[in-house]
Amino acid sequence: MKSVSRLYFAVPVIIAVVIALWLLADSSQDQPASTRAPERAADATPDDTNLAEARQQTPSKLVDGSSGRNIPQGHPSSLVGTSEPSGWAKTDRLGNLIPTDELRQLFEYYLSALGEETLPQLVARIRRALSALEEPAREQALDTLGRYLDYKLALSDLEAAYGDVGASGPSEIERRMAEVHALRRTWMDADTAEAFFADDEAIDRHQLKKLSIDRDKSLTEQQREEALAEAEMALPEPVRQARQETRKFSRYEQARETLDNDPEALRAWRQKEFGVEAAERLESLDTEQKDWSRRWQSYANERDALSASGLAEPERDESLSRLREKYFSESERIRAQALDSIQ
């Protein structure tokens, strides 16, 4: 049941929550901010002044205020070594923006670094990327970004009202799913919502169907397997392929655990499952991950001892900075500091 509830809310909820917290903490700074989407202003006196003020305090206003903001040099540490998503700059023959899932991927690519940089900084990064578009597509893309940010905050409010969905049955999950789907179309036009969320919503429906099949006691084991296979085939082809890749990497994680003490056997397994070239890349990543984990564990032990030493805050911070320099490169130190901040 937990897996269903996790998948049914397809948008990364953590980012929505952090947006809400950032808006609350930053309300006194130069950028307008609020913890509520526009419709929450209904609690106030419904006059034009209040409604205008509520609208000024939505995350979308960060888009307008980001044009002159300084952007830090380089990428956030978690994005170092990665590439910005491509394929999002699509327009029709009149120069109007064609919404695509790739455009949403661009937004999420930068928003995933929330916590390493502030929301206004990340919005400014997205705005800079969108400047590659000509008008009217550029303004349309900025408007889409604003609506997407407002949607994510509204989603955070909706999920907070829901509470735990772990014990919900199929009918309750279906109701909540429908509300989330409707929320997307409240904040975005139908074409954009379809482009951004079609695959996610197909997965939602699949998970709901799978839950219904699993709970149907009248089915034999063979009938259940046939029904599950039919539900899988109803998914869009790109989604089916992505799910196959996900299952492949799940098997890889299991193989890593089983063959951890037999590097040659693990290397042979990688080559058989992924091919020689991909297997070599995976082996390199595994080596880097193990090296990072080893250094992080040593660092964490010394960090915890330092925290328990009773040093005054300035001395502790200086010692902690030297400790990070001991274990990590410059880019890794940013990552380590970000991880420390969420401990």
C-alpha atoms as a PDB file:
ATOM      1  CA  MET A   1       0.000   0.000   0.000  1.00  0.00           C
ATOM      2  CA  LYS A   2       2.826   2.371   0.789  1.00  0.00           C
ATOM      3  CA  SER A   3       4.242   1.980  -2.691  1.00  0.00           C
ATOM      4  CA  VAL A   4       0.897   3.003  -4.172  1.00  0.00           C
ATOM      5  CA  SER A   5       0.616   6.118  -2.062  1.00  0.00           C
ATOM      6  CA  ARG A   6       4.167   7.125  -2.947  1.00  0.00           C
ATOM      7  CA  LEU A   7       3.606   6.749  -6.682  1.00  0.00           C
ATOM      8  CA  TYR A   8       0.163   8.273  -6.762  1.00  0.00           C
ATOM      9  CA  PHE A   9       1.556  11.658  -5.804  1.00  0.00           C
ATOM     10  CA  ALA A  10       3.830  11.862  -8.828  1.00  0.00           C
ATOM     11  CA  VAL A  11       5.277  15.364  -8.350  1.00  0.00           C
ATOM     12  CA  PRO A  12       8.305  15.561  -6.019  1.00  0.00           C
ATOM     13  CA  VAL A  13       6.572  16.613  -2.822  1.00  0.00           C
ATOM     14  CA  ILE A  14       9.744  17.417  -0.910  1.00  0.00           C
ATOM     15  CA  ILE A  15      10.402  20.360  -3.213  1.00  0.00           C
ATOM     16  CA  ALA A  16       6.859  21.645  -2.683  1.00  0.00           C
ATOM     17  CA  VAL A  17       7.298  21.492   1.093  1.00  0.00           C
ATOM     18  CA  VAL A  18      10.660  23.245   0.933  1.00  0.00           C
ATOM     19  CA  ILE A  19       9.122  25.967  -1.231  1.00  0.00           C
ATOM     20  CA  ALA A  20       6.508  26.482   1.466  1.00  0.00           C
ATOM     21  CA  LEU A  21       9.130  26.620   4.224  1.00  0.00           C
ATOM     22  CA  TRP A  22      11.324  28.959   2.216  1.00  0.00           C
ATOM     23  CA  LEU A  23       8.430  31.330   1.627  1.00  0.00           C
ATOM     24  CA  LEU A  24       7.662  31.366   5.339  1.00  0.00           C
ATOM     25  CA  ALA A  25      11.266  32.024   6.335  1.00  0.00           C
ATOM     26  CA  ASP A  26      11.946  34.614   3.631  1.00  0.00           C
ATOM     27  CA  SER A  27       8.820  36.727   3.954  1.00  0.00           C
ATOM     28  CA  SER A  28      10.778  39.626   5.448  1.00  0.00           C
ATOM     29  CA  GLN A  29      13.283  39.879   2.570  1.00  0.00           C
ATOM     30  CA  ASP A  30      13.076  41.844  -0.657  1.00  0.00           C
ATOM     31  CA  GLN A  31      11.119  39.205  -2.541  1.00  0.00           C
ATOM     32  CA  PRO A  32       7.355  38.876  -1.900  1.00  0.00           C
ATOM     33  CA  ALA A  33       6.517  35.540  -0.299  1.00  0.00           C
ATOM     34  CA  SER A  34       3.741  33.583   1.353  1.00  0.00           C
ATOM     35  CA  THR A  35       3.044  30.077   2.508  1.00  0.00           C
ATOM     36  CA  ARG A  36      -0.269  29.897   0.697  1.00  0.00           C
ATOM     37  CA  ALA A  37      -1.500  29.761  -2.857  1.00  0.00           C
ATOM     38  CA  PRO A  38      -3.894  32.506  -4.042  1.00  0.00           C
ATOM     39  CA  GLU A  39      -7.132  30.724  -3.200  1.00  0.00           C
ATOM     40  CA  ARG A  40      -6.137  30.642   0.477  1.00  0.00           C
ATOM     41  CA  ALA A  41      -6.921  34.359   0.539  1.00  0.00           C
ATOM     42  CA  ALA A  42     -10.563  33.324   0.775  1.00  0.00           C
ATOM     43  CA  ASP A  43     -10.105  33.327   4.563  1.00  0.00           C
ATOM     44  CA  ALA A  44      -9.618  37.095   4.416  1.00  0.00           C
ATOM     45  CA  THR A  45     -12.113  39.821   3.541  1.00  0.00           C
ATOM     46  CA  PRO A  46     -12.943  39.173  -0.127  1.00  0.00           C
ATOM     47  CA  ASP A  47     -12.208  42.636  -1.520  1.00  0.00           C
ATOM     48  CA  ASP A  48      -9.955  43.591  -4.411  1.00  0.00           C
ATOM     49  CA  THR A  49      -7.164  44.842  -2.142  1.00  0.00           C
ATOM     50  CA  ASN A  50      -6.852  41.563  -0.264  1.00  0.00           C
ATOM     51  CA  LEU A  51      -7.009  39.489  -3.428  1.00  0.00           C
ATOM     52  CA  ALA A  52      -4.348  41.600  -5.116  1.00  0.00           C
ATOM     53  CA  GLU A  53      -2.121  41.349  -2.045  1.00  0.00           C
ATOM     54  CA  ALA A  54      -2.562  37.573  -1.924  1.00  0.00           C
ATOM     55  CA  ARG A  55      -1.638  37.288  -5.588  1.00  0.00           C
ATOM     56  CA  GLN A  56       1.522  39.353  -5.015  1.00  0.00           C
ATOM     57  CA  GLN A  57       2.625  36.883  -2.337  1.00  0.00           C
ATOM     58  CA  THR A  58       2.609  33.731  -4.480  1.00  0.00           C
ATOM     59  CA  PRO A  59       5.793  31.923  -5.584  1.00  0.00           C
ATOM     60  CA  SER A  60       5.119  32.891  -9.205  1.00  0.00           C
ATOM     61  CA  LYS A  61       6.081  36.463  -8.311  1.00  0.00           C
ATOM     62  CA  LEU A  62       9.643  35.210  -7.888  1.00  0.00           C
ATOM     63  CA  VAL A  63       9.739  34.759 -11.660  1.00  0.00           C
ATOM     64  CA  ASP A  64       9.152  38.476 -12.220  1.00  0.00           C
ATOM     65  CA  GLY A  65      11.682  39.393  -9.532  1.00  0.00           C
ATOM     66  CA  SER A  66      14.429  37.080 -10.761  1.00  0.00           C
ATOM     67  CA  SER A  67      15.505  39.000 -13.871  1.00  0.00           C
ATOM     68  CA  GLY A  68      18.109  41.134 -12.103  1.00  0.00           C
ATOM     69  CA  ARG A  69      19.240  38.615  -9.520  1.00  0.00           C
ATOM     70  CA  ASN A  70      22.883  37.564  -9.384  1.00  0.00           C
ATOM     71  CA  ILE A  71      23.410  33.873 -10.093  1.00  0.00           C
ATOM     72  CA  PRO A  72      26.264  32.032  -8.324  1.00  0.00           C
ATOM     73  CA  GLN A  73      29.138  30.887 -10.511  1.00  0.00           C
ATOM     74  CA  GLY A  74      29.043  27.273 -11.608  1.00  0.00           C
ATOM     75  CA  HIS A  75      26.363  24.724 -10.768  1.00  0.00           C
ATOM     76  CA  PRO A  76      24.996  23.710  -7.367  1.00  0.00           C
ATOM     77  CA  SER A  77      27.151  20.851  -6.088  1.00  0.00           C
ATOM     78  CA  SER A  78      24.493  18.193  -6.671  1.00  0.00           C
ATOM     79  CA  LEU A  79      24.322  19.193 -10.355  1.00  0.00           C
ATOM     80  CA  VAL A  80      28.072  19.225 -10.965  1.00  0.00           C
ATOM     81  CA  GLY A  81      28.906  16.751 -13.722  1.00  0.00           C
ATOM     82  CA  THR A  82      25.321  16.655 -15.007  1.00  0.00           C
ATOM     83  CA  SER A  83      23.783  18.195 -18.116  1.00  0.00           C
ATOM     84  CA  GLU A  84      20.771  20.448 -18.353  1.00  0.00           C
ATOM     85  CA  PRO A  85      17.802  18.609 -19.903  1.00  0.00           C
ATOM     86  CA  SER A  86      17.382  19.184 -23.630  1.00  0.00           C
ATOM     87  CA  GLY A  87      14.463  19.112 -26.023  1.00  0.00           C
ATOM     88  CA  TRP A  88      12.311  21.602 -24.117  1.00  0.00           C
ATOM     89  CA  ALA A  89      12.654  24.637 -26.432  1.00  0.00           C
ATOM     90  CA  LYS A  90       9.850  23.731 -28.823  1.00  0.00           C
ATOM     91  CA  THR A  91       7.621  26.256 -30.587  1.00  0.00           C
ATOM     92  CA  ASP A  92       4.988  26.174 -33.301  1.00  0.00           C
ATOM     93  CA  ARG A  93       5.260  28.030 -36.628  1.00  0.00           C
ATOM     94  CA  LEU A  94       3.945  31.219 -34.999  1.00  0.00           C
ATOM     95  CA  GLY A  95       6.566  31.136 -32.270  1.00  0.00           C
ATOM     96  CA  ASN A  96       4.233  29.998 -29.502  1.00  0.00           C
ATOM     97  CA  LEU A  97       5.571  27.658 -26.839  1.00  0.00           C
ATOM     98  CA  ILE A  98       4.735  23.976 -27.178  1.00  0.00           C
ATOM     99  CA  PRO A  99       4.564  22.571 -23.628  1.00  0.00           C
ATOM    100  CA  THR A 100       6.476  19.318 -23.210  1.00  0.00           C
ATOM    101  CA  ASP A 101       7.513  16.978 -20.442  1.00  0.00           C
ATOM    102  CA  GLU A 102      11.080  18.100 -21.173  1.00  0.00           C
ATOM    103  CA  LEU A 103      10.154  21.625 -20.054  1.00  0.00           C
ATOM    104  CA  ARG A 104       8.965  20.279 -16.727  1.00  0.00           C
ATOM    105  CA  GLN A 105      12.205  18.284 -16.490  1.00  0.00           C
ATOM    106  CA  LEU A 106      14.118  21.554 -16.941  1.00  0.00           C
ATOM    107  CA  PHE A 107      12.206  23.116 -14.041  1.00  0.00           C
ATOM    108  CA  GLU A 108      12.766  20.081 -11.808  1.00  0.00           C
ATOM    109  CA  TYR A 109      16.441  19.838 -12.773  1.00  0.00           C
ATOM    110  CA  TYR A 110      17.159  23.156 -11.086  1.00  0.00           C
ATOM    111  CA  LEU A 111      14.537  22.886  -8.333  1.00  0.00           C
ATOM    112  CA  SER A 112      16.148  19.627  -7.213  1.00  0.00           C
ATOM    113  CA  ALA A 113      19.006  21.769  -5.850  1.00  0.00           C
ATOM    114  CA  LEU A 114      16.673  23.589  -3.451  1.00  0.00           C
ATOM    115  CA  GLY A 115      18.495  23.778  -0.133  1.00  0.00           C
ATOM    116  CA  GLU A 116      21.888  24.190  -1.753  1.00  0.00           C
ATOM    117  CA  GLU A 117      20.681  27.478  -3.229  1.00  0.00           C
ATOM    118  CA  THR A 118      17.680  29.627  -2.432  1.00  0.00           C
ATOM    119  CA  LEU A 119      14.484  29.422  -4.413  1.00  0.00           C
ATOM    120  CA  PRO A 120      15.010  32.888  -5.986  1.00  0.00           C
ATOM    121  CA  GLN A 121      18.483  31.842  -7.157  1.00  0.00           C
ATOM    122  CA  LEU A 122      17.158  28.656  -8.744  1.00  0.00           C
ATOM    123  CA  VAL A 123      14.275  30.519 -10.380  1.00  0.00           C
ATOM    124  CA  ALA A 124      16.854  32.938 -11.800  1.00  0.00           C
ATOM    125  CA  ARG A 125      18.782  29.975 -13.216  1.00  0.00           C
ATOM    126  CA  ILE A 126      15.627  28.667 -14.900  1.00  0.00           C
ATOM    127  CA  ARG A 127      14.842  32.145 -16.216  1.00  0.00           C
ATOM    128  CA  ARG A 128      18.331  32.344 -17.724  1.00  0.00           C
ATOM    129  CA  ALA A 129      17.814  28.996 -19.459  1.00  0.00           C
ATOM    130  CA  LEU A 130      14.443  30.141 -20.818  1.00  0.00           C
ATOM    131  CA  SER A 131      16.055  33.263 -22.278  1.00  0.00           C
ATOM    132  CA  ALA A 132      17.157  31.040 -25.174  1.00  0.00           C
ATOM    133  CA  LEU A 133      13.569  31.241 -26.423  1.00  0.00           C
ATOM    134  CA  GLU A 134      12.280  34.017 -28.676  1.00  0.00           C
ATOM    135  CA  GLU A 135       9.065  35.880 -27.947  1.00  0.00           C
ATOM    136  CA  PRO A 136       6.240  35.055 -27.515  1.00  0.00           C
ATOM    137  CA  ALA A 137       7.471  31.620 -26.375  1.00  0.00           C
ATOM    138  CA  ARG A 138       9.813  33.113 -23.758  1.00  0.00           C
ATOM    139  CA  GLU A 139       7.071  34.971 -21.911  1.00  0.00           C
ATOM    140  CA  GLN A 140       4.783  31.947 -22.186  1.00  0.00           C
ATOM    141  CA  ALA A 141       7.485  29.727 -20.676  1.00  0.00           C
ATOM    142  CA  LEU A 142       8.006  32.164 -17.788  1.00  0.00           C
ATOM    143  CA  ASP A 143       4.261  32.204 -17.169  1.00  0.00           C
ATOM    144  CA  THR A 144       4.261  28.391 -17.181  1.00  0.00           C
ATOM    145  CA  LEU A 145       7.106  28.369 -14.652  1.00  0.00           C
ATOM    146  CA  GLY A 146       5.170  30.689 -12.343  1.00  0.00           C
ATOM    147  CA  ARG A 147       2.048  28.567 -12.566  1.00  0.00           C
ATOM    148  CA  TYR A 148       4.097  25.431 -11.920  1.00  0.00           C
ATOM    149  CA  LEU A 149       5.615  26.908  -8.755  1.00  0.00           C
ATOM    150  CA  ASP A 150       2.188  27.995  -7.520  1.00  0.00           C
ATOM    151  CA  TYR A 151       0.825  24.522  -8.278  1.00  0.00           C
ATOM    152  CA  LYS A 152       3.556  22.847  -6.250  1.00  0.00           C
ATOM    153  CA  LEU A 153       2.738  25.003  -3.243  1.00  0.00           C
ATOM    154  CA  ALA A 154      -0.981  24.273  -3.630  1.00  0.00           C
ATOM    155  CA  LEU A 155      -0.141  20.565  -3.827  1.00  0.00           C
ATOM    156  CA  SER A 156       1.762  20.838  -0.549  1.00  0.00           C
ATOM    157  CA  ASP A 157      -1.320  22.368   1.082  1.00  0.00           C
ATOM    158  CA  LEU A 158      -3.577  19.648  -0.322  1.00  0.00           C
ATOM    159  CA  GLU A 159      -1.366  16.811   0.862  1.00  0.00           C
ATOM    160  CA  ALA A 160      -1.023  18.374   4.302  1.00  0.00           C
ATOM    161  CA  ALA A 161      -4.816  18.299   4.526  1.00  0.00           C
ATOM    162  CA  TYR A 162      -4.889  14.640   3.482  1.00  0.00           C
ATOM    163  CA  GLY A 163      -2.465  13.380   6.096  1.00  0.00           C
ATOM    164  CA  ASP A 164      -1.404   9.718   5.946  1.00  0.00           C
ATOM    165  CA  VAL A 165      -2.836   7.806   2.983  1.00  0.00           C
ATOM    166  CA  GLY A 166      -1.214   4.523   3.981  1.00  0.00           C
ATOM    167  CA  ALA A 167      -4.407   2.933   5.290  1.00  0.00           C
ATOM    168  CA  SER A 168      -6.696   4.211   2.504  1.00  0.00           C
ATOM    169  CA  GLY A 169      -8.596   1.842   0.244  1.00  0.00           C
ATOM    170  CA  PRO A 170      -8.783   2.025  -3.566  1.00  0.00           C
ATOM    171  CA  SER A 171     -11.869   4.273  -3.613  1.00  0.00           C
ATOM    172  CA  GLU A 172     -10.278   6.845  -1.293  1.00  0.00           C
ATOM    173  CA  ILE A 173      -7.011   6.784  -3.229  1.00  0.00           C
ATOM    174  CA  GLU A 174      -8.957   7.226  -6.473  1.00  0.00           C
ATOM    175  CA  ARG A 175     -10.786  10.238  -5.018  1.00  0.00           C
ATOM    176  CA  ARG A 176      -7.569  11.882  -3.875  1.00  0.00           C
ATOM    177  CA  MET A 177      -5.890  11.070  -7.166  1.00  0.00           C
ATOM    178  CA  ALA A 178      -8.721  12.777  -9.040  1.00  0.00           C
ATOM    179  CA  GLU A 179      -8.336  15.858  -6.840  1.00  0.00           C
ATOM    180  CA  VAL A 180      -4.608  16.071  -7.568  1.00  0.00           C
ATOM    181  CA  HIS A 181      -5.258  15.679 -11.302  1.00  0.00           C
ATOM    182  CA  ALA A 182      -7.887  18.433 -11.123  1.00  0.00           C
ATOM    183  CA  LEU A 183      -5.516  20.671  -9.153  1.00  0.00           C
ATOM    184  CA  ARG A 184      -2.990  20.466 -11.976  1.00  0.00           C
ATOM    185  CA  ARG A 185      -5.618  21.672 -14.451  1.00  0.00           C
ATOM    186  CA  THR A 186      -6.648  24.474 -12.113  1.00  0.00           C
ATOM    187  CA  TRP A 187      -3.165  25.972 -12.176  1.00  0.00           C
ATOM    188  CA  MET A 188      -2.197  25.056 -15.738  1.00  0.00           C
ATOM    189  CA  ASP A 189      -4.070  24.879 -19.005  1.00  0.00           C
ATOM    190  CA  ALA A 190      -5.145  21.470 -20.265  1.00  0.00           C
ATOM    191  CA  ASP A 191      -2.376  21.157 -22.876  1.00  0.00           C
ATOM    192  CA  THR A 192       0.365  21.954 -20.352  1.00  0.00           C
ATOM    193  CA  ALA A 193      -1.082  19.636 -17.702  1.00  0.00           C
ATOM    194  CA  GLU A 194      -1.286  16.831 -20.250  1.00  0.00           C
ATOM    195  CA  ALA A 195       2.286  17.420 -21.446  1.00  0.00           C
ATOM    196  CA  PHE A 196       3.682  17.637 -17.914  1.00  0.00           C
ATOM    197  CA  PHE A 197       1.761  14.846 -16.210  1.00  0.00           C
ATOM    198  CA  ALA A 198       0.386  12.383 -18.789  1.00  0.00           C
ATOM    199  CA  ASP A 199       2.916   9.678 -17.945  1.00  0.00           C
ATOM    200  CA  ASP A 200       2.601  10.254 -14.198  1.00  0.00           C
ATOM    201  CA  GLU A 201      -1.165   9.987 -14.392  1.00  0.00           C
ATOM    202  CA  ALA A 202      -0.937   6.822 -16.486  1.00  0.00           C
ATOM    203  CA  ILE A 203       1.231   5.335 -13.730  1.00  0.00           C
ATOM    204  CA  ASP A 204      -1.307   6.498 -11.132  1.00  0.00           C
ATOM    205  CA  ARG A 205      -4.089   4.678 -12.966  1.00  0.00           C
ATOM    206  CA  HIS A 206      -1.891   1.608 -13.356  1.00  0.00           C
ATOM    207  CA  GLN A 207      -1.092   1.517  -9.649  1.00  0.00           C
ATOM    208  CA  LEU A 208      -4.772   1.845  -8.793  1.00  0.00           C
ATOM    209  CA  LYS A 209      -5.656  -0.971 -11.191  1.00  0.00           C
ATOM    210  CA  LYS A 210      -2.861  -3.116  -9.766  1.00  0.00           C
ATOM    211  CA  LEU A 211      -4.133  -2.524  -6.229  1.00  0.00           C
ATOM    212  CA  SER A 212      -7.642  -3.525  -7.280  1.00  0.00           C
ATOM    213  CA  ILE A 213      -6.330  -6.718  -8.904  1.00  0.00           C
ATOM    214  CA  ASP A 214      -4.231  -7.615  -5.869  1.00  0.00           C
ATOM    215  CA  ARG A 215      -7.265  -7.211  -3.588  1.00  0.00           C
ATOM    216  CA  ASP A 216      -9.645  -9.212  -5.790  1.00  0.00           C
ATOM    217  CA  LYS A 217      -9.952 -12.517  -3.922  1.00  0.00           C
ATOM    218  CA  SER A 218     -12.092 -14.053  -6.675  1.00  0.00           C
ATOM    219  CA  LEU A 219      -9.134 -14.272  -9.087  1.00  0.00           C
ATOM    220  CA  THR A 220      -7.010 -17.370  -9.423  1.00  0.00           C
ATOM    221  CA  GLU A 221      -3.240 -16.915  -9.436  1.00  0.00           C
ATOM    222  CA  GLN A 222      -3.154 -17.319 -13.219  1.00  0.00           C
ATOM    223  CA  GLN A 223      -6.010 -14.838 -13.702  1.00  0.00           C
ATOM    224  CA  ARG A 224      -4.229 -12.368 -11.443  1.00  0.00           C
ATOM    225  CA  GLU A 225      -0.988 -12.665 -13.422  1.00  0.00           C
ATOM    226  CA  GLU A 226      -2.874 -12.213 -16.701  1.00  0.00           C
ATOM    227  CA  ALA A 227      -4.730  -9.162 -15.360  1.00  0.00           C
ATOM    228  CA  LEU A 228      -1.485  -7.606 -14.113  1.00  0.00           C
ATOM    229  CA  ALA A 229       0.190  -8.230 -17.474  1.00  0.00           C
ATOM    230  CA  GLU A 230      -2.773  -6.624 -19.257  1.00  0.00           C
ATOM    231  CA  ALA A 231      -2.576  -3.600 -16.949  1.00  0.00           C
ATOM    232  CA  GLU A 232       1.154  -3.301 -17.681  1.00  0.00           C
ATOM    233  CA  MET A 233       0.520  -3.358 -21.435  1.00  0.00           C
ATOM    234  CA  ALA A 234      -1.986  -0.503 -21.049  1.00  0.00           C
ATOM    235  CA  LEU A 235       0.835   1.830 -20.008  1.00  0.00           C
ATOM    236  CA  PRO A 236       2.383   4.129 -22.636  1.00  0.00           C
ATOM    237  CA  GLU A 237       5.414   2.557 -24.332  1.00  0.00           C
ATOM    238  CA  PRO A 238       7.964   5.037 -22.871  1.00  0.00           C
ATOM    239  CA  VAL A 239       6.613   4.344 -19.391  1.00  0.00           C
ATOM    240  CA  ARG A 240       6.851   0.579 -19.894  1.00  0.00           C
ATOM    241  CA  GLN A 241      10.448   0.922 -21.039  1.00  0.00           C
ATOM    242  CA  ALA A 242      11.302   3.134 -18.071  1.00  0.00           C
ATOM    243  CA  ARG A 243       9.740   0.616 -15.692  1.00  0.00           C
ATOM    244  CA  GLN A 244      11.769  -2.167 -17.279  1.00  0.00           C
ATOM    245  CA  GLU A 245      14.941  -0.129 -16.757  1.00  0.00           C
ATOM    246  CA  THR A 246      13.940   0.518 -13.146  1.00  0.00           C
ATOM    247  CA  ARG A 247      13.425  -3.194 -12.542  1.00  0.00           C
ATOM    248  CA  LYS A 248      16.777  -3.878 -14.190  1.00  0.00           C
ATOM    249  CA  PHE A 249      18.536  -1.540 -11.774  1.00  0.00           C
ATOM    250  CA  SER A 250      16.618  -3.045  -8.858  1.00  0.00           C
ATOM    251  CA  ARG A 251      18.054  -6.401  -9.860  1.00  0.00           C
ATOM    252  CA  TYR A 252      21.450  -4.729 -10.065  1.00  0.00           C
ATOM    253  CA  GLU A 253      21.174  -3.489  -6.478  1.00  0.00           C
ATOM    254  CA  GLN A 254      20.335  -7.028  -5.384  1.00  0.00           C
ATOM    255  CA  ALA A 255      23.306  -8.391  -7.344  1.00  0.00           C
ATOM    256  CA  ARG A 256      25.611  -5.830  -5.733  1.00  0.00           C
ATOM    257  CA  GLU A 257      24.589  -7.056  -2.295  1.00  0.00           C
ATOM    258  CA  THR A 258      24.813 -10.746  -3.209  1.00  0.00           C
ATOM    259  CA  LEU A 259      28.134 -10.499  -5.075  1.00  0.00           C
ATOM    260  CA  ASP A 260      29.747  -7.782  -2.983  1.00  0.00           C
ATOM    261  CA  ASN A 261      32.641 -10.078  -2.034  1.00  0.00           C
ATOM    262  CA  ASP A 262      33.137 -11.424  -5.556  1.00  0.00           C
ATOM    263  CA  PRO A 263      34.147  -8.503  -7.849  1.00  0.00           C
ATOM    264  CA  GLU A 264      34.759 -10.735 -10.868  1.00  0.00           C
ATOM    265  CA  ALA A 265      31.306 -12.310 -10.646  1.00  0.00           C
ATOM    266  CA  LEU A 266      29.712  -8.874 -10.242  1.00  0.00           C
ATOM    267  CA  ARG A 267      31.655  -7.571 -13.260  1.00  0.00           C
ATOM    268  CA  ALA A 268      30.427 -10.517 -15.350  1.00  0.00           C
ATOM    269  CA  TRP A 269      26.846  -9.906 -14.177  1.00  0.00           C
ATOM    270  CA  ARG A 270      27.037  -6.232 -15.178  1.00  0.00           C
ATOM    271  CA  GLN A 271      28.369  -7.067 -18.630  1.00  0.00           C
ATOM    272  CA  LYS A 272      25.673  -9.672 -19.243  1.00  0.00           C
ATOM    273  CA  GLU A 273      22.852  -7.395 -18.087  1.00  0.00           C
ATOM    274  CA  PHE A 274      23.987  -3.996 -19.427  1.00  0.00           C
ATOM    275  CA  GLY A 275      26.708  -4.612 -22.023  1.00  0.00           C
ATOM    276  CA  VAL A 276      30.454  -3.997 -21.730  1.00  0.00           C
ATOM    277  CA  GLU A 277      30.474  -0.193 -22.088  1.00  0.00           C
ATOM    278  CA  ALA A 278      27.645   0.450 -19.625  1.00  0.00           C
ATOM    279  CA  ALA A 279      29.110  -2.131 -17.239  1.00  0.00           C
ATOM    280  CA  GLU A 280      32.406  -0.232 -17.164  1.00  0.00           C
ATOM    281  CA  ARG A 281      30.602   3.021 -16.351  1.00  0.00           C
ATOM    282  CA  LEU A 282      28.661   1.336 -13.568  1.00  0.00           C
ATOM    283  CA  GLU A 283      31.826  -0.159 -12.115  1.00  0.00           C
ATOM    284  CA  SER A 284      33.448   3.277 -12.116  1.00  0.00           C
ATOM    285  CA  LEU A 285      30.415   4.790 -10.398  1.00  0.00           C
ATOM    286  CA  ASP A 286      30.433   2.009  -7.810  1.00  0.00           C
ATOM    287  CA  THR A 287      34.081   2.710  -7.052  1.00  0.00           C
ATOM    288  CA  GLU A 288      33.398   6.433  -6.657  1.00  0.00           C
ATOM    289  CA  GLN A 289      30.376   5.755  -4.452  1.00  0.00           C
ATOM    290  CA  LYS A 290      32.324   3.416  -2.174  1.00  0.00           C
ATOM    291  CA  ASP A 291      35.133   5.957  -1.897  1.00  0.00           C
ATOM    292  CA  TRP A 292      32.670   8.717  -1.028  1.00  0.00           C
ATOM    293  CA  SER A 293      30.897   6.502   1.539  1.00  0.00           C
ATOM    294  CA  ARG A 294      34.193   5.602   3.189  1.00  0.00           C
ATOM    295  CA  ARG A 295      35.305   9.227   3.441  1.00  0.00           C
ATOM    296  CA  TRP A 296      31.861  10.391   4.558  1.00  0.00           C
ATOM    297  CA  GLN A 297      31.751   7.833   7.365  1.00  0.00           C
ATOM    298  CA  SER A 298      35.195   8.871   8.620  1.00  0.00           C
ATOM    299  CA  TYR A 299      34.212  12.524   8.382  1.00  0.00           C
ATOM    300  CA  ALA A 300      30.892  11.922  10.161  1.00  0.00           C
ATOM    301  CA  ASN A 301      32.627  10.183  13.056  1.00  0.00           C
ATOM    302  CA  GLU A 302      35.041  13.087  13.549  1.00  0.00           C
ATOM    303  CA  ARG A 303      32.241  15.618  13.055  1.00  0.00           C
ATOM    304  CA  ASP A 304      30.126  14.000  15.774  1.00  0.00           C
ATOM    305  CA  ALA A 305      33.086  13.943  18.144  1.00  0.00           C
ATOM    306  CA  LEU A 306      33.695  17.611  17.394  1.00  0.00           C
ATOM    307  CA  SER A 307      30.054  18.471  18.079  1.00  0.00           C
ATOM    308  CA  ALA A 308      30.284  16.740  21.467  1.00  0.00           C
ATOM    309  CA  SER A 309      33.527  18.483  22.401  1.00  0.00           C
ATOM    310  CA  GLY A 310      31.876  21.540  23.931  1.00  0.00           C
ATOM    311  CA  LEU A 311      33.709  24.064  21.746  1.00  0.00           C
ATOM    312  CA  ALA A 312      32.226  27.517  21.325  1.00  0.00           C
ATOM    313  CA  GLU A 313      30.298  27.939  18.088  1.00  0.00           C
ATOM    314  CA  PRO A 314      32.940  30.025  16.211  1.00  0.00           C
ATOM    315  CA  GLU A 315      35.696  27.543  17.099  1.00  0.00           C
ATOM    316  CA  ARG A 316      33.480  24.576  16.251  1.00  0.00           C
ATOM    317  CA  ASP A 317      32.564  26.046  12.852  1.00  0.00           C
ATOM    318  CA  GLU A 318      36.209  26.740  12.045  1.00  0.00           C
ATOM    319  CA  SER A 319      37.212  23.211  13.053  1.00  0.00           C
ATOM    320  CA  LEU A 320      34.355  21.765  11.021  1.00  0.00           C
ATOM    321  CA  SER A 321      35.490  23.725   7.975  1.00  0.00           C
ATOM    322  CA  ARG A 322      39.019  22.322   8.336  1.00  0.00           C
ATOM    323  CA  LEU A 323      37.563  18.837   8.750  1.00  0.00           C
ATOM    324  CA  ARG A 324      35.682  19.119   5.455  1.00  0.00           C
ATOM    325  CA  GLU A 325      38.865  20.308   3.742  1.00  0.00           C
ATOM    326  CA  LYS A 326      40.614  17.205   5.074  1.00  0.00           C
ATOM    327  CA  TYR A 327      38.165  14.740   3.529  1.00  0.00           C
ATOM    328  CA  PHE A 328      36.560  16.427   0.510  1.00  0.00           C
ATOM    329  CA  SER A 329      37.345  18.356  -2.647  1.00  0.00           C
ATOM    330  CA  GLU A 330      35.983  21.871  -3.078  1.00  0.00           C
ATOM    331  CA  SER A 331      32.804  20.748  -4.860  1.00  0.00           C
ATOM    332  CA  GLU A 332      32.334  17.850  -2.430  1.00  0.00           C
ATOM    333  CA  ARG A 333      32.577  20.229   0.536  1.00  0.00           C
ATOM    334  CA  ILE A 334      29.464  22.028  -0.692  1.00  0.00           C
ATOM    335  CA  ARG A 335      27.661  18.690  -0.874  1.00  0.00           C
ATOM    336  CA  ALA A 336      28.903  17.709   2.596  1.00  0.00           C
ATOM    337  CA  GLN A 337      27.740  21.017   4.047  1.00  0.00           C
ATOM    338  CA  ALA A 338      24.313  20.552   2.457  1.00  0.00           C
ATOM    339  CA  LEU A 339      24.070  17.028   3.908  1.00  0.00           C
ATOM    340  CA  ASP A 340      25.107  18.315   7.329  1.00  0.00           C
ATOM    341  CA  SER A 341      22.344  20.907   7.203  1.00  0.00           C
ATOM    342  CA  ILE A 342      19.647  18.224   6.964  1.00  0.00           C
ATOM    343  CA  GLN A 343      21.061  15.892   9.628  1.00  0.00           C
END
